[in-house]
N, C-alpha and C. Protein backbone atom coordinates (compact mmCIF):
# COMPACT_ATOMS: atom_id res chain seq x y z
N MET A 1 -33.64 21.55 41.38
CA MET A 1 -32.71 22.61 41.04
C MET A 1 -32.34 23.32 42.35
N GLU A 2 -31.06 23.43 42.58
CA GLU A 2 -30.55 24.03 43.81
C GLU A 2 -30.13 25.48 43.56
N THR A 3 -30.60 26.40 44.38
CA THR A 3 -30.29 27.82 44.22
C THR A 3 -28.80 28.06 44.42
N GLY A 4 -28.21 28.84 43.50
CA GLY A 4 -26.80 29.19 43.57
C GLY A 4 -25.86 28.17 42.95
N LYS A 5 -26.39 27.07 42.48
CA LYS A 5 -25.58 26.01 41.89
C LYS A 5 -25.49 26.19 40.38
N TYR A 6 -24.36 25.82 39.81
CA TYR A 6 -24.17 25.90 38.36
C TYR A 6 -24.56 24.58 37.70
N TYR A 7 -25.22 24.70 36.53
CA TYR A 7 -25.63 23.55 35.73
C TYR A 7 -25.24 23.79 34.28
N TYR A 8 -25.29 22.73 33.50
CA TYR A 8 -25.07 22.83 32.06
C TYR A 8 -26.37 22.50 31.35
N VAL A 9 -26.68 23.25 30.30
CA VAL A 9 -27.83 22.96 29.45
C VAL A 9 -27.36 22.86 28.01
N VAL A 10 -28.05 22.04 27.24
CA VAL A 10 -27.75 21.86 25.82
C VAL A 10 -28.71 22.75 25.05
N THR A 11 -28.17 23.59 24.15
CA THR A 11 -29.02 24.58 23.48
C THR A 11 -28.86 24.58 21.97
N ARG A 12 -29.89 25.11 21.32
CA ARG A 12 -29.86 25.42 19.89
C ARG A 12 -30.74 26.65 19.69
N ASN A 13 -30.19 27.67 19.04
CA ASN A 13 -30.92 28.91 18.78
C ASN A 13 -31.53 29.49 20.06
N ASN A 14 -30.74 29.49 21.14
CA ASN A 14 -31.15 30.03 22.44
C ASN A 14 -32.36 29.32 23.05
N ARG A 15 -32.58 28.09 22.65
CA ARG A 15 -33.63 27.26 23.26
C ARG A 15 -32.96 26.04 23.86
N MET A 16 -33.42 25.61 25.03
CA MET A 16 -32.80 24.50 25.75
C MET A 16 -33.48 23.17 25.43
N ALA A 17 -32.69 22.13 25.35
CA ALA A 17 -33.21 20.80 25.05
C ALA A 17 -33.98 20.24 26.25
N THR A 18 -35.10 19.60 25.96
CA THR A 18 -35.91 18.98 27.01
C THR A 18 -35.53 17.53 27.23
N GLY A 19 -34.79 16.96 26.29
CA GLY A 19 -34.42 15.56 26.38
C GLY A 19 -35.40 14.65 25.67
N SER A 20 -36.56 15.19 25.26
CA SER A 20 -37.57 14.40 24.55
C SER A 20 -37.26 14.38 23.06
N ILE A 21 -37.32 13.20 22.49
CA ILE A 21 -37.07 13.05 21.05
C ILE A 21 -38.32 12.47 20.41
N VAL A 22 -38.83 13.15 19.38
CA VAL A 22 -40.02 12.71 18.66
C VAL A 22 -39.56 12.08 17.35
N SER A 23 -39.99 10.85 17.09
CA SER A 23 -39.63 10.16 15.86
C SER A 23 -40.83 10.11 14.92
N PHE A 24 -40.58 10.40 13.64
CA PHE A 24 -41.63 10.33 12.62
C PHE A 24 -41.36 9.11 11.74
N TYR A 25 -42.39 8.31 11.56
CA TYR A 25 -42.25 7.06 10.82
C TYR A 25 -43.03 7.09 9.51
N ALA A 26 -42.51 6.35 8.55
CA ALA A 26 -43.21 6.10 7.29
C ALA A 26 -42.95 4.64 6.94
N ASP A 27 -44.00 3.85 6.91
CA ASP A 27 -43.86 2.41 6.65
C ASP A 27 -42.87 1.75 7.60
N GLU A 28 -43.01 2.05 8.87
CA GLU A 28 -42.20 1.49 9.95
C GLU A 28 -40.71 1.84 9.87
N ILE A 29 -40.35 2.83 9.08
CA ILE A 29 -38.97 3.30 8.98
C ILE A 29 -38.93 4.72 9.55
N VAL A 30 -37.94 4.98 10.38
CA VAL A 30 -37.80 6.32 10.96
C VAL A 30 -37.37 7.28 9.86
N VAL A 31 -38.21 8.26 9.60
CA VAL A 31 -37.95 9.26 8.56
C VAL A 31 -37.18 10.44 9.15
N GLU A 32 -37.57 10.84 10.35
CA GLU A 32 -36.95 12.01 10.96
C GLU A 32 -37.07 11.93 12.48
N LYS A 33 -36.04 12.42 13.18
CA LYS A 33 -36.08 12.53 14.64
C LYS A 33 -35.93 14.00 14.98
N VAL A 34 -36.77 14.47 15.89
CA VAL A 34 -36.76 15.88 16.29
C VAL A 34 -36.55 15.96 17.80
N LEU A 35 -35.56 16.75 18.20
CA LEU A 35 -35.31 16.98 19.62
C LEU A 35 -36.12 18.18 20.06
N GLU A 36 -36.97 18.00 21.07
CA GLU A 36 -37.80 19.09 21.56
C GLU A 36 -36.96 20.09 22.36
N THR A 37 -37.28 21.38 22.21
CA THR A 37 -36.59 22.44 22.95
C THR A 37 -37.60 23.35 23.62
N THR A 38 -37.11 24.13 24.58
CA THR A 38 -37.98 25.03 25.33
C THR A 38 -37.20 26.26 25.78
N LYS A 39 -37.91 27.32 26.13
CA LYS A 39 -37.28 28.49 26.76
C LYS A 39 -37.52 28.46 28.27
N ASP A 40 -38.28 27.51 28.74
CA ASP A 40 -38.63 27.36 30.15
C ASP A 40 -37.58 26.49 30.84
N LEU A 41 -36.82 27.08 31.74
CA LEU A 41 -35.74 26.37 32.42
C LEU A 41 -36.25 25.17 33.21
N THR A 42 -37.47 25.24 33.73
CA THR A 42 -37.99 24.14 34.54
C THR A 42 -38.30 22.90 33.70
N LYS A 43 -38.43 23.06 32.38
CA LYS A 43 -38.70 21.93 31.49
C LYS A 43 -37.44 21.40 30.81
N ALA A 44 -36.35 22.16 30.90
CA ALA A 44 -35.09 21.76 30.26
C ALA A 44 -34.37 20.70 31.09
N VAL A 45 -33.54 19.91 30.41
CA VAL A 45 -32.71 18.94 31.11
C VAL A 45 -31.48 19.67 31.64
N LEU A 46 -31.24 19.55 32.93
CA LEU A 46 -30.08 20.17 33.56
C LEU A 46 -29.05 19.09 33.85
N TYR A 47 -27.82 19.37 33.49
CA TYR A 47 -26.72 18.43 33.72
C TYR A 47 -25.78 19.03 34.76
N GLU A 48 -25.36 18.22 35.72
CA GLU A 48 -24.37 18.66 36.70
C GLU A 48 -22.96 18.51 36.16
N ASP A 49 -22.76 17.55 35.26
CA ASP A 49 -21.44 17.29 34.69
C ASP A 49 -21.40 17.69 33.23
N TYR A 50 -20.33 18.34 32.84
CA TYR A 50 -20.13 18.77 31.45
C TYR A 50 -20.13 17.57 30.50
N GLU A 51 -19.49 16.49 30.92
CA GLU A 51 -19.37 15.30 30.05
C GLU A 51 -20.73 14.71 29.71
N ASP A 52 -21.67 14.74 30.64
CA ASP A 52 -23.02 14.23 30.37
C ASP A 52 -23.73 15.10 29.33
N ALA A 53 -23.58 16.40 29.44
CA ALA A 53 -24.20 17.32 28.47
C ALA A 53 -23.54 17.17 27.11
N LEU A 54 -22.24 16.91 27.09
CA LEU A 54 -21.49 16.79 25.85
C LEU A 54 -21.99 15.63 24.99
N GLU A 55 -22.41 14.57 25.62
CA GLU A 55 -22.90 13.40 24.89
C GLU A 55 -24.10 13.75 24.00
N LEU A 56 -25.08 14.44 24.57
CA LEU A 56 -26.27 14.86 23.80
C LEU A 56 -25.91 15.93 22.79
N ALA A 57 -25.06 16.87 23.18
CA ALA A 57 -24.67 17.97 22.29
C ALA A 57 -23.97 17.45 21.03
N GLU A 58 -23.10 16.50 21.18
CA GLU A 58 -22.39 15.94 20.02
C GLU A 58 -23.33 15.16 19.12
N GLN A 59 -24.28 14.46 19.71
CA GLN A 59 -25.21 13.65 18.94
C GLN A 59 -26.10 14.50 18.03
N TYR A 60 -26.49 15.70 18.48
CA TYR A 60 -27.40 16.54 17.72
C TYR A 60 -26.78 17.86 17.27
N ASN A 61 -25.45 17.97 17.37
CA ASN A 61 -24.72 19.17 16.93
C ASN A 61 -25.26 20.43 17.61
N LEU A 62 -25.28 20.40 18.96
CA LEU A 62 -25.82 21.49 19.75
C LEU A 62 -24.71 22.16 20.57
N GLU A 63 -25.03 23.28 21.20
CA GLU A 63 -24.09 24.01 22.05
C GLU A 63 -24.37 23.67 23.51
N ILE A 64 -23.36 23.86 24.34
CA ILE A 64 -23.52 23.68 25.78
C ILE A 64 -23.30 25.02 26.45
N LYS A 65 -24.21 25.38 27.37
CA LYS A 65 -24.08 26.63 28.11
C LYS A 65 -24.10 26.32 29.60
N LYS A 66 -23.29 27.07 30.34
CA LYS A 66 -23.26 26.94 31.79
C LYS A 66 -24.19 28.00 32.37
N ILE A 67 -25.10 27.57 33.24
CA ILE A 67 -26.06 28.50 33.83
C ILE A 67 -26.01 28.39 35.35
N ARG A 68 -26.52 29.39 36.02
CA ARG A 68 -26.60 29.37 37.48
C ARG A 68 -28.05 29.49 37.88
N ALA A 69 -28.48 28.60 38.73
CA ALA A 69 -29.85 28.65 39.25
C ALA A 69 -29.87 29.67 40.38
N ASP A 70 -30.68 30.70 40.25
CA ASP A 70 -30.74 31.75 41.24
C ASP A 70 -32.16 32.31 41.29
N ILE A 71 -32.46 33.03 42.31
CA ILE A 71 -33.75 33.67 42.45
C ILE A 71 -33.55 35.16 42.19
N LEU A 72 -34.31 35.71 41.28
CA LEU A 72 -34.18 37.13 40.93
C LEU A 72 -34.33 37.98 42.20
N GLY A 73 -33.36 38.86 42.38
CA GLY A 73 -33.41 39.73 43.54
C GLY A 73 -32.61 39.22 44.73
N LEU A 74 -32.16 37.98 44.67
CA LEU A 74 -31.36 37.43 45.76
C LEU A 74 -29.96 37.06 45.29
N GLY A 75 -29.35 37.99 44.55
CA GLY A 75 -27.98 37.76 44.13
C GLY A 75 -27.82 37.49 42.65
N SER A 76 -28.90 37.39 41.89
CA SER A 76 -28.77 37.16 40.46
C SER A 76 -28.37 38.46 39.76
N ARG A 77 -27.77 38.32 38.61
CA ARG A 77 -27.30 39.51 37.88
C ARG A 77 -27.89 39.53 36.49
């Protein structure tokens, strides 16, 4: 993560997607897939391109937010 650079994150309910998908099986059939989310920016998947973030967002009906990586006290607001 580069300080001062803008990134895109995929979110749901103000939690960012980690990119990890957990699948639950019953008799070798996928019953449910769950996308893991976090509030920790260091664990979230950061996208440099909007189009890359859009692919995951459309697949799981999520929102895309633009964020800036900054250090508190050195220009962050």
